[in-house]
Amino acid sequence: MGVCDRLDHRILLAMDDPRLKITKDDGYYTVELIKSCKHYVLPADDVKLLPIPSVSAEDLCKYFLNEISTAIRNNGFADNITNLHVRVDEGIGQGAGCNINLA
């Protein structure tokens, strides 16, 4: 299963976001926004926790790049691929791109 399939139709939460306190209990995640004292309870099946500091386009781009490059290397597809570029767009003209050299 590819990275997009694993994240599709999920609420993405950044595990390393210092602004959030995330706890799991009985099939639910409780997400507390520390400064605003708001909290949300979400079904665990609807949530995907990501090991990133935020769900910004920049951090998501790095996450996707790492996941895709790891999959390419692990599946032996990188023999003829020297560079990989990933872009995550939030809207027209707003987004982030990042590169990795696979050679």
PDB file of N, CA and C in Angstrom:
ATOM      1  N   MET A   1       0.847  -1.178   0.000  1.00  0.00           N
ATOM      2  CA  MET A   1       0.000   0.000   0.000  1.00  0.00           C
ATOM      3  C   MET A   1       0.894   1.243   0.000  1.00  0.00           C
ATOM      4  N   GLY A   2       0.602   2.168  -0.877  1.00  0.00           N
ATOM      5  CA  GLY A   2       1.393   3.382  -0.988  1.00  0.00           C
ATOM      6  C   GLY A   2       1.068   4.407   0.082  1.00  0.00           C
ATOM      7  N   VAL A   3       1.922   5.397   0.178  1.00  0.00           N
ATOM      8  CA  VAL A   3       1.778   6.418   1.213  1.00  0.00           C
ATOM      9  C   VAL A   3       0.456   7.178   1.076  1.00  0.00           C
ATOM     10  N   CYS A   4       0.046   7.479  -0.131  1.00  0.00           N
ATOM     11  CA  CYS A   4      -1.224   8.207  -0.313  1.00  0.00           C
ATOM     12  C   CYS A   4      -2.403   7.357   0.138  1.00  0.00           C
ATOM     13  N   ASP A   5      -2.367   6.054  -0.165  1.00  0.00           N
ATOM     14  CA  ASP A   5      -3.448   5.167   0.269  1.00  0.00           C
ATOM     15  C   ASP A   5      -3.524   5.072   1.788  1.00  0.00           C
ATOM     16  N   ARG A   6      -2.371   5.084   2.460  1.00  0.00           N
ATOM     17  CA  ARG A   6      -2.356   4.999   3.922  1.00  0.00           C
ATOM     18  C   ARG A   6      -2.927   6.258   4.581  1.00  0.00           C
ATOM     19  N   LEU A   7      -2.840   7.386   3.901  1.00  0.00           N
ATOM     20  CA  LEU A   7      -3.283   8.654   4.492  1.00  0.00           C
ATOM     21  C   LEU A   7      -4.659   9.107   4.009  1.00  0.00           C
ATOM     22  N   ASP A   8      -5.110   8.521   2.910  1.00  0.00           N
ATOM     23  CA  ASP A   8      -6.361   8.942   2.282  1.00  0.00           C
ATOM     24  C   ASP A   8      -7.533   8.792   3.249  1.00  0.00           C
ATOM     25  N   HIS A   9      -8.360   9.805   3.311  1.00  0.00           N
ATOM     26  CA  HIS A   9      -9.565   9.837   4.150  1.00  0.00           C
ATOM     27  C   HIS A   9      -9.246   9.696   5.638  1.00  0.00           C
ATOM     28  N   ARG A  10      -8.118  10.227   6.043  1.00  0.00           N
ATOM     29  CA  ARG A  10      -7.726  10.214   7.453  1.00  0.00           C
ATOM     30  C   ARG A  10      -7.520  11.650   7.927  1.00  0.00           C
ATOM     31  N   ILE A  11      -7.666  11.839   9.213  1.00  0.00           N
ATOM     32  CA  ILE A  11      -7.305  13.100   9.851  1.00  0.00           C
ATOM     33  C   ILE A  11      -5.827  12.977  10.204  1.00  0.00           C
ATOM     34  N   LEU A  12      -5.009  13.851   9.655  1.00  0.00           N
ATOM     35  CA  LEU A  12      -3.563  13.785   9.869  1.00  0.00           C
ATOM     36  C   LEU A  12      -3.185  14.623  11.081  1.00  0.00           C
ATOM     37  N   LEU A  13      -2.488  13.987  12.015  1.00  0.00           N
ATOM     38  CA  LEU A  13      -2.026  14.676  13.218  1.00  0.00           C
ATOM     39  C   LEU A  13      -0.516  14.538  13.328  1.00  0.00           C
ATOM     40  N   ALA A  14       0.143  15.625  13.671  1.00  0.00           N
ATOM     41  CA  ALA A  14       1.596  15.629  13.847  1.00  0.00           C
ATOM     42  C   ALA A  14       1.931  15.227  15.283  1.00  0.00           C
ATOM     43  N   MET A  15       2.562  14.072  15.429  1.00  0.00           N
ATOM     44  CA  MET A  15       2.898  13.566  16.763  1.00  0.00           C
ATOM     45  C   MET A  15       3.879  14.470  17.498  1.00  0.00           C
ATOM     46  N   ASP A  16       4.746  15.160  16.755  1.00  0.00           N
ATOM     47  CA  ASP A  16       5.800  15.962  17.364  1.00  0.00           C
ATOM     48  C   ASP A  16       5.437  17.442  17.469  1.00  0.00           C
ATOM     49  N   ASP A  17       4.170  17.766  17.326  1.00  0.00           N
ATOM     50  CA  ASP A  17       3.732  19.159  17.413  1.00  0.00           C
ATOM     51  C   ASP A  17       3.631  19.549  18.890  1.00  0.00           C
ATOM     52  N   PRO A  18       4.470  20.478  19.351  1.00  0.00           N
ATOM     53  CA  PRO A  18       4.450  20.856  20.767  1.00  0.00           C
ATOM     54  C   PRO A  18       3.173  21.584  21.178  1.00  0.00           C
ATOM     55  N   ARG A  19       2.370  21.987  20.210  1.00  0.00           N
ATOM     56  CA  ARG A  19       1.119  22.689  20.516  1.00  0.00           C
ATOM     57  C   ARG A  19      -0.027  21.735  20.820  1.00  0.00           C
ATOM     58  N   LEU A  20       0.222  20.431  20.603  1.00  0.00           N
ATOM     59  CA  LEU A  20      -0.829  19.431  20.784  1.00  0.00           C
ATOM     60  C   LEU A  20      -0.475  18.443  21.884  1.00  0.00           C
ATOM     61  N   LYS A  21      -1.482  18.013  22.596  1.00  0.00           N
ATOM     62  CA  LYS A  21      -1.345  16.889  23.517  1.00  0.00           C
ATOM     63  C   LYS A  21      -2.310  15.822  22.994  1.00  0.00           C
ATOM     64  N   ILE A  22      -1.734  14.693  22.543  1.00  0.00           N
ATOM     65  CA  ILE A  22      -2.527  13.637  21.929  1.00  0.00           C
ATOM     66  C   ILE A  22      -2.491  12.404  22.825  1.00  0.00           C
ATOM     67  N   THR A  23      -3.665  11.899  23.182  1.00  0.00           N
ATOM     68  CA  THR A  23      -3.742  10.676  23.985  1.00  0.00           C
ATOM     69  C   THR A  23      -4.727   9.724  23.317  1.00  0.00           C
ATOM     70  N   LYS A  24      -4.493   8.426  23.519  1.00  0.00           N
ATOM     71  CA  LYS A  24      -5.384   7.411  22.959  1.00  0.00           C
ATOM     72  C   LYS A  24      -6.012   6.616  24.097  1.00  0.00           C
ATOM     73  N   ASP A  25      -7.321   6.374  23.966  1.00  0.00           N
ATOM     74  CA  ASP A  25      -8.028   5.623  24.988  1.00  0.00           C
ATOM     75  C   ASP A  25      -9.273   4.991  24.370  1.00  0.00           C
ATOM     76  N   ASP A  26      -9.419   3.694  24.528  1.00  0.00           N
ATOM     77  CA  ASP A  26     -10.610   2.969  24.090  1.00  0.00           C
ATOM     78  C   ASP A  26     -11.014   3.247  22.644  1.00  0.00           C
ATOM     79  N   GLY A  27     -10.050   3.227  21.727  1.00  0.00           N
ATOM     80  CA  GLY A  27     -10.378   3.397  20.320  1.00  0.00           C
ATOM     81  C   GLY A  27     -10.596   4.825  19.872  1.00  0.00           C
ATOM     82  N   TYR A  28     -10.229   5.779  20.722  1.00  0.00           N
ATOM     83  CA  TYR A  28     -10.377   7.197  20.385  1.00  0.00           C
ATOM     84  C   TYR A  28      -9.082   7.937  20.680  1.00  0.00           C
ATOM     85  N   TYR A  29      -8.843   8.983  19.914  1.00  0.00           N
ATOM     86  CA  TYR A  29      -7.762   9.909  20.220  1.00  0.00           C
ATOM     87  C   TYR A  29      -8.392  11.175  20.767  1.00  0.00           C
ATOM     88  N   THR A  30      -7.823  11.677  21.842  1.00  0.00           N
ATOM     89  CA  THR A  30      -8.198  12.987  22.343  1.00  0.00           C
ATOM     90  C   THR A  30      -7.053  13.926  22.001  1.00  0.00           C
ATOM     91  N   VAL A  31      -7.391  15.010  21.336  1.00  0.00           N
ATOM     92  CA  VAL A  31      -6.397  15.995  20.920  1.00  0.00           C
ATOM     93  C   VAL A  31      -6.698  17.291  21.652  1.00  0.00           C
ATOM     94  N   GLU A  32      -5.741  17.726  22.459  1.00  0.00           N
ATOM     95  CA  GLU A  32      -5.889  18.987  23.189  1.00  0.00           C
ATOM     96  C   GLU A  32      -4.975  20.024  22.560  1.00  0.00           C
ATOM     97  N   LEU A  33      -5.553  21.159  22.193  1.00  0.00           N
ATOM     98  CA  LEU A  33      -4.768  22.285  21.713  1.00  0.00           C
ATOM     99  C   LEU A  33      -4.364  23.069  22.951  1.00  0.00           C
ATOM    100  N   ILE A  34      -3.105  23.004  23.293  1.00  0.00           N
ATOM    101  CA  ILE A  34      -2.625  23.450  24.600  1.00  0.00           C
ATOM    102  C   ILE A  34      -2.940  24.914  24.886  1.00  0.00           C
ATOM    103  N   LYS A  35      -2.640  25.806  23.962  1.00  0.00           N
ATOM    104  CA  LYS A  35      -2.850  27.232  24.251  1.00  0.00           C
ATOM    105  C   LYS A  35      -4.307  27.640  24.281  1.00  0.00           C
ATOM    106  N   SER A  36      -5.131  27.016  23.469  1.00  0.00           N
ATOM    107  CA  SER A  36      -6.531  27.441  23.410  1.00  0.00           C
ATOM    108  C   SER A  36      -7.434  26.634  24.341  1.00  0.00           C
ATOM    109  N   CYS A  37      -6.873  25.573  24.944  1.00  0.00           N
ATOM    110  CA  CYS A  37      -7.627  24.699  25.848  1.00  0.00           C
ATOM    111  C   CYS A  37      -8.805  24.003  25.157  1.00  0.00           C
ATOM    112  N   LYS A  38      -8.810  23.960  23.845  1.00  0.00           N
ATOM    113  CA  LYS A  38      -9.824  23.210  23.117  1.00  0.00           C
ATOM    114  C   LYS A  38      -9.395  21.759  23.059  1.00  0.00           C
ATOM    115  N   HIS A  39     -10.371  20.872  22.969  1.00  0.00           N
ATOM    116  CA  HIS A  39     -10.034  19.471  22.794  1.00  0.00           C
ATOM    117  C   HIS A  39     -11.057  18.802  21.881  1.00  0.00           C
ATOM    118  N   TYR A  40     -10.565  17.797  21.184  1.00  0.00           N
ATOM    119  CA  TYR A  40     -11.375  17.067  20.223  1.00  0.00           C
ATOM    120  C   TYR A  40     -11.210  15.581  20.486  1.00  0.00           C
ATOM    121  N   VAL A  41     -12.286  14.843  20.329  1.00  0.00           N
ATOM    122  CA  VAL A  41     -12.249  13.396  20.464  1.00  0.00           C
ATOM    123  C   VAL A  41     -12.559  12.816  19.089  1.00  0.00           C
ATOM    124  N   LEU A  42     -11.626  11.983  18.598  1.00  0.00           N
ATOM    125  CA  LEU A  42     -11.725  11.455  17.241  1.00  0.00           C
ATOM    126  C   LEU A  42     -11.612   9.937  17.255  1.00  0.00           C
ATOM    127  N   PRO A  43     -12.402   9.240  16.445  1.00  0.00           N
ATOM    128  CA  PRO A  43     -12.253   7.788  16.361  1.00  0.00           C
ATOM    129  C   PRO A  43     -10.850   7.431  15.843  1.00  0.00           C
ATOM    130  N   ALA A  44     -10.190   6.498  16.504  1.00  0.00           N
ATOM    131  CA  ALA A  44      -8.811   6.129  16.146  1.00  0.00           C
ATOM    132  C   ALA A  44      -8.706   5.662  14.697  1.00  0.00           C
ATOM    133  N   ASP A  45      -9.742   5.012  14.180  1.00  0.00           N
ATOM    134  CA  ASP A  45      -9.707   4.535  12.793  1.00  0.00           C
ATOM    135  C   ASP A  45      -9.648   5.677  11.785  1.00  0.00           C
ATOM    136  N   ASP A  46     -10.065   6.865  12.189  1.00  0.00           N
ATOM    137  CA  ASP A  46     -10.084   8.019  11.290  1.00  0.00           C
ATOM    138  C   ASP A  46      -8.804   8.842  11.352  1.00  0.00           C
ATOM    139  N   VAL A  47      -7.893   8.483  12.256  1.00  0.00           N
ATOM    140  CA  VAL A  47      -6.701   9.300  12.517  1.00  0.00           C
ATOM    141  C   VAL A  47      -5.439   8.585  12.028  1.00  0.00           C
ATOM    142  N   LYS A  48      -4.533   9.360  11.479  1.00  0.00           N
ATOM    143  CA  LYS A  48      -3.191   8.872  11.157  1.00  0.00           C
ATOM    144  C   LYS A  48      -2.197   9.795  11.845  1.00  0.00           C
ATOM    145  N   LEU A  49      -1.434   9.235  12.788  1.00  0.00           N
ATOM    146  CA  LEU A  49      -0.396  10.000  13.479  1.00  0.00           C
ATOM    147  C   LEU A  49       0.865   9.963  12.643  1.00  0.00           C
ATOM    148  N   LEU A  50       1.439  11.114  12.409  1.00  0.00           N
ATOM    149  CA  LEU A  50       2.657  11.215  11.596  1.00  0.00           C
ATOM    150  C   LEU A  50       3.811  11.713  12.459  1.00  0.00           C
ATOM    151  N   PRO A  51       5.011  11.163  12.256  1.00  0.00           N
ATOM    152  CA  PRO A  51       6.180  11.570  13.047  1.00  0.00           C
ATOM    153  C   PRO A  51       6.809  12.857  12.507  1.00  0.00           C
ATOM    154  N   ILE A  52       6.032  13.929  12.528  1.00  0.00           N
ATOM    155  CA  ILE A  52       6.477  15.225  12.012  1.00  0.00           C
ATOM    156  C   ILE A  52       6.067  16.312  13.004  1.00  0.00           C
ATOM    157  N   PRO A  53       6.706  17.503  12.923  1.00  0.00           N
ATOM    158  CA  PRO A  53       6.401  18.570  13.880  1.00  0.00           C
ATOM    159  C   PRO A  53       5.122  19.365  13.575  1.00  0.00           C
ATOM    160  N   SER A  54       4.613  19.257  12.350  1.00  0.00           N
ATOM    161  CA  SER A  54       3.364  19.945  12.009  1.00  0.00           C
ATOM    162  C   SER A  54       2.824  19.317  10.725  1.00  0.00           C
ATOM    163  N   VAL A  55       1.597  19.626  10.397  1.00  0.00           N
ATOM    164  CA  VAL A  55       1.027  19.145   9.143  1.00  0.00           C
ATOM    165  C   VAL A  55       1.045  20.255   8.088  1.00  0.00           C
ATOM    166  N   SER A  56       2.075  21.074   8.140  1.00  0.00           N
ATOM    167  CA  SER A  56       2.267  22.113   7.130  1.00  0.00           C
ATOM    168  C   SER A  56       2.672  21.461   5.815  1.00  0.00           C
ATOM    169  N   ALA A  57       2.530  22.188   4.727  1.00  0.00           N
ATOM    170  CA  ALA A  57       2.948  21.671   3.422  1.00  0.00           C
ATOM    171  C   ALA A  57       4.429  21.295   3.444  1.00  0.00           C
ATOM    172  N   GLU A  58       5.247  22.088   4.134  1.00  0.00           N
ATOM    173  CA  GLU A  58       6.686  21.816   4.191  1.00  0.00           C
ATOM    174  C   GLU A  58       6.989  20.496   4.893  1.00  0.00           C
ATOM    175  N   ASP A  59       6.375  20.275   6.054  1.00  0.00           N
ATOM    176  CA  ASP A  59       6.631  19.042   6.800  1.00  0.00           C
ATOM    177  C   ASP A  59       6.001  17.831   6.120  1.00  0.00           C
ATOM    178  N   LEU A  60       4.821  18.002   5.527  1.00  0.00           N
ATOM    179  CA  LEU A  60       4.214  16.909   4.782  1.00  0.00           C
ATOM    180  C   LEU A  60       5.060  16.544   3.566  1.00  0.00           C
ATOM    181  N   CYS A  61       5.629  17.539   2.920  1.00  0.00           N
ATOM    182  CA  CYS A  61       6.495  17.298   1.767  1.00  0.00           C
ATOM    183  C   CYS A  61       7.701  16.449   2.168  1.00  0.00           C
ATOM    184  N   LYS A  62       8.341  16.797   3.263  1.00  0.00           N
ATOM    185  CA  LYS A  62       9.482  16.018   3.752  1.00  0.00           C
ATOM    186  C   LYS A  62       9.070  14.597   4.108  1.00  0.00           C
ATOM    187  N   TYR A  63       7.910  14.457   4.725  1.00  0.00           N
ATOM    188  CA  TYR A  63       7.398  13.136   5.096  1.00  0.00           C
ATOM    189  C   TYR A  63       7.172  12.293   3.839  1.00  0.00           C
ATOM    190  N   PHE A  64       6.469  12.866   2.843  1.00  0.00           N
ATOM    191  CA  PHE A  64       6.225  12.148   1.591  1.00  0.00           C
ATOM    192  C   PHE A  64       7.539  11.775   0.904  1.00  0.00           C
ATOM    193  N   LEU A  65       8.476  12.700   0.857  1.00  0.00           N
ATOM    194  CA  LEU A  65       9.764  12.435   0.214  1.00  0.00           C
ATOM    195  C   LEU A  65      10.471  11.259   0.881  1.00  0.00           C
ATOM    196  N   ASN A  66      10.483  11.245   2.195  1.00  0.00           N
ATOM    197  CA  ASN A  66      11.118  10.156   2.926  1.00  0.00           C
ATOM    198  C   ASN A  66      10.409   8.823   2.663  1.00  0.00           C
ATOM    199  N   GLU A  67       9.092   8.827   2.731  1.00  0.00           N
ATOM    200  CA  GLU A  67       8.324   7.594   2.508  1.00  0.00           C
ATOM    201  C   GLU A  67       8.519   7.059   1.092  1.00  0.00           C
ATOM    202  N   ILE A  68       8.457   7.941   0.101  1.00  0.00           N
ATOM    203  CA  ILE A  68       8.598   7.517  -1.297  1.00  0.00           C
ATOM    204  C   ILE A  68      10.018   7.044  -1.586  1.00  0.00           C
ATOM    205  N   SER A  69      11.019   7.787  -1.118  1.00  0.00           N
ATOM    206  CA  SER A  69      12.407   7.382  -1.388  1.00  0.00           C
ATOM    207  C   SER A  69      12.738   6.064  -0.692  1.00  0.00           C
ATOM    208  N   THR A  70      12.224   5.852   0.513  1.00  0.00           N
ATOM    209  CA  THR A  70      12.435   4.585   1.217  1.00  0.00           C
ATOM    210  C   THR A  70      11.794   3.436   0.448  1.00  0.00           C
ATOM    211  N   ALA A  71      10.570   3.626  -0.029  1.00  0.00           N
ATOM    212  CA  ALA A  71       9.880   2.582  -0.791  1.00  0.00           C
ATOM    213  C   ALA A  71      10.623   2.269  -2.084  1.00  0.00           C
ATOM    214  N   ILE A  72      11.103   3.303  -2.757  1.00  0.00           N
ATOM    215  CA  ILE A  72      11.851   3.093  -4.006  1.00  0.00           C
ATOM    216  C   ILE A  72      13.116   2.291  -3.734  1.00  0.00           C
ATOM    217  N   ARG A  73      13.848   2.664  -2.718  1.00  0.00           N
ATOM    218  CA  ARG A  73      15.098   1.955  -2.386  1.00  0.00           C
ATOM    219  C   ARG A  73      14.823   0.515  -1.942  1.00  0.00           C
ATOM    220  N   ASN A  74      13.810   0.324  -1.100  1.00  0.00           N
ATOM    221  CA  ASN A  74      13.510  -1.011  -0.575  1.00  0.00           C
ATOM    222  C   ASN A  74      12.989  -1.969  -1.646  1.00  0.00           C
ATOM    223  N   ASN A  75      12.351  -1.427  -2.661  1.00  0.00           N
ATOM    224  CA  ASN A  75      11.806  -2.268  -3.721  1.00  0.00           C
ATOM    225  C   ASN A  75      12.764  -2.436  -4.899  1.00  0.00           C
ATOM    226  N   GLY A  76      13.968  -1.877  -4.787  1.00  0.00           N
ATOM    227  CA  GLY A  76      14.960  -2.030  -5.840  1.00  0.00           C
ATOM    228  C   GLY A  76      14.669  -1.233  -7.095  1.00  0.00           C
ATOM    229  N   PHE A  77      13.826  -0.209  -6.989  1.00  0.00           N
ATOM    230  CA  PHE A  77      13.481   0.587  -8.160  1.00  0.00           C
ATOM    231  C   PHE A  77      14.412   1.780  -8.363  1.00  0.00           C
ATOM    232  N   ALA A  78      15.365   1.993  -7.472  1.00  0.00           N
ATOM    233  CA  ALA A  78      16.185   3.203  -7.527  1.00  0.00           C
ATOM    234  C   ALA A  78      17.414   3.065  -8.421  1.00  0.00           C
ATOM    235  N   ASP A  79      17.589   1.924  -9.052  1.00  0.00           N
ATOM    236  CA  ASP A  79      18.793   1.713  -9.858  1.00  0.00           C
ATOM    237  C   ASP A  79      18.983   2.762 -10.944  1.00  0.00           C
ATOM    238  N   ASN A  80      17.905   3.188 -11.573  1.00  0.00           N
ATOM    239  CA  ASN A  80      18.034   4.168 -12.652  1.00  0.00           C
ATOM    240  C   ASN A  80      17.450   5.536 -12.284  1.00  0.00           C
ATOM    241  N   ILE A  81      17.118   5.735 -11.012  1.00  0.00           N
ATOM    242  CA  ILE A  81      16.587   7.023 -10.548  1.00  0.00           C
ATOM    243  C   ILE A  81      17.674   7.719  -9.745  1.00  0.00           C
ATOM    244  N   THR A  82      18.023   8.915 -10.167  1.00  0.00           N
ATOM    245  CA  THR A  82      19.092   9.635  -9.471  1.00  0.00           C
ATOM    246  C   THR A  82      18.573  10.737  -8.559  1.00  0.00           C
ATOM    247  N   ASN A  83      17.431  11.312  -8.887  1.00  0.00           N
ATOM    248  CA  ASN A  83      16.855  12.387  -8.083  1.00  0.00           C
ATOM    249  C   ASN A  83      15.354  12.197  -7.952  1.00  0.00           C
ATOM    250  N   LEU A  84      14.830  12.664  -6.827  1.00  0.00           N
ATOM    251  CA  LEU A  84      13.390  12.600  -6.596  1.00  0.00           C
ATOM    252  C   LEU A  84      12.947  13.967  -6.106  1.00  0.00           C
ATOM    253  N   HIS A  85      11.879  14.476  -6.695  1.00  0.00           N
ATOM    254  CA  HIS A  85      11.306  15.759  -6.291  1.00  0.00           C
ATOM    255  C   HIS A  85       9.854  15.527  -5.908  1.00  0.00           C
ATOM    256  N   VAL A  86       9.456  16.035  -4.756  1.00  0.00           N
ATOM    257  CA  VAL A  86       8.078  15.922  -4.283  1.00  0.00           C
ATOM    258  C   VAL A  86       7.557  17.325  -4.010  1.00  0.00           C
ATOM    259  N   ARG A  87       6.308  17.541  -4.352  1.00  0.00           N
ATOM    260  CA  ARG A  87       5.677  18.835  -4.098  1.00  0.00           C
ATOM    261  C   ARG A  87       4.314  18.597  -3.459  1.00  0.00           C
ATOM    262  N   VAL A  88       4.019  19.376  -2.420  1.00  0.00           N
ATOM    263  CA  VAL A  88       2.713  19.361  -1.768  1.00  0.00           C
ATOM    264  C   VAL A  88       2.149  20.764  -1.878  1.00  0.00           C
ATOM    265  N   ASP A  89       1.007  20.879  -2.511  1.00  0.00           N
ATOM    266  CA  ASP A  89       0.375  22.181  -2.685  1.00  0.00           C
ATOM    267  C   ASP A  89      -0.854  22.306  -1.797  1.00  0.00           C
ATOM    268  N   GLU A  90      -0.984  23.468  -1.167  1.00  0.00           N
ATOM    269  CA  GLU A  90      -2.154  23.767  -0.351  1.00  0.00           C
ATOM    270  C   GLU A  90      -3.225  24.452  -1.188  1.00  0.00           C
ATOM    271  N   GLY A  91      -2.802  25.131  -2.205  1.00  0.00           N
ATOM    272  CA  GLY A  91      -3.696  25.861  -3.097  1.00  0.00           C
ATOM    273  C   GLY A  91      -2.858  26.429  -4.224  1.00  0.00           C
ATOM    274  N   ILE A  92      -3.491  27.171  -5.097  1.00  0.00           N
ATOM    275  CA  ILE A  92      -2.780  27.735  -6.239  1.00  0.00           C
ATOM    276  C   ILE A  92      -1.664  28.652  -5.752  1.00  0.00           C
ATOM    277  N   GLY A  93      -0.434  28.308  -6.107  1.00  0.00           N
ATOM    278  CA  GLY A  93       0.719  29.125  -5.742  1.00  0.00           C
ATOM    279  C   GLY A  93       1.172  28.987  -4.302  1.00  0.00           C
ATOM    280  N   GLN A  94       0.560  28.096  -3.549  1.00  0.00           N
ATOM    281  CA  GLN A  94       0.938  27.914  -2.149  1.00  0.00           C
ATOM    282  C   GLN A  94       1.281  26.455  -1.909  1.00  0.00           C
ATOM    283  N   GLY A  95       2.513  26.215  -1.516  1.00  0.00           N
ATOM    284  CA  GLY A  95       2.923  24.845  -1.260  1.00  0.00           C
ATOM    285  C   GLY A  95       4.407  24.768  -0.986  1.00  0.00           C
ATOM    286  N   ALA A  96       4.900  23.545  -1.009  1.00  0.00           N
ATOM    287  CA  ALA A  96       6.308  23.330  -0.738  1.00  0.00           C
ATOM    288  C   ALA A  96       6.806  22.174  -1.595  1.00  0.00           C
ATOM    289  N   GLY A  97       8.075  22.255  -1.955  1.00  0.00           N
ATOM    290  CA  GLY A  97       8.723  21.190  -2.710  1.00  0.00           C
ATOM    291  C   GLY A  97      10.054  20.854  -2.083  1.00  0.00           C
ATOM    292  N   CYS A  98      10.472  19.604  -2.224  1.00  0.00           N
ATOM    293  CA  CYS A  98      11.769  19.202  -1.707  1.00  0.00           C
ATOM    294  C   CYS A  98      12.346  18.095  -2.592  1.00  0.00           C
ATOM    295  N   ASN A  99      13.652  17.960  -2.531  1.00  0.00           N
ATOM    296  CA  ASN A  99      14.390  17.032  -3.392  1.00  0.00           C
ATOM    297  C   ASN A  99      15.279  16.137  -2.575  1.00  0.00           C
ATOM    298  N   ILE A 100      15.631  14.985  -3.173  1.00  0.00           N
ATOM    299  CA  ILE A 100      16.628  14.104  -2.584  1.00  0.00           C
ATOM    300  C   ILE A 100      17.418  13.460  -3.735  1.00  0.00           C
ATOM    301  N   ASN A 101      18.701  13.316  -3.522  1.00  0.00           N
ATOM    302  CA  ASN A 101      19.565  12.635  -4.479  1.00  0.00           C
ATOM    303  C   ASN A 101      19.620  11.171  -4.096  1.00  0.00           C
ATOM    304  N   LEU A 102      19.219  10.293  -4.994  1.00  0.00           N
ATOM    305  CA  LEU A 102      19.185   8.867  -4.729  1.00  0.00           C
ATOM    306  C   LEU A 102      20.438   8.138  -5.225  1.00  0.00           C
ATOM    307  N   ALA A 103      21.307   8.855  -5.903  1.00  0.00           N
ATOM    308  CA  ALA A 103      22.501   8.210  -6.476  1.00  0.00           C
ATOM    309  C   ALA A 103      23.511   7.825  -5.396  1.00  0.00           C
TER     310      ALA A 103
END
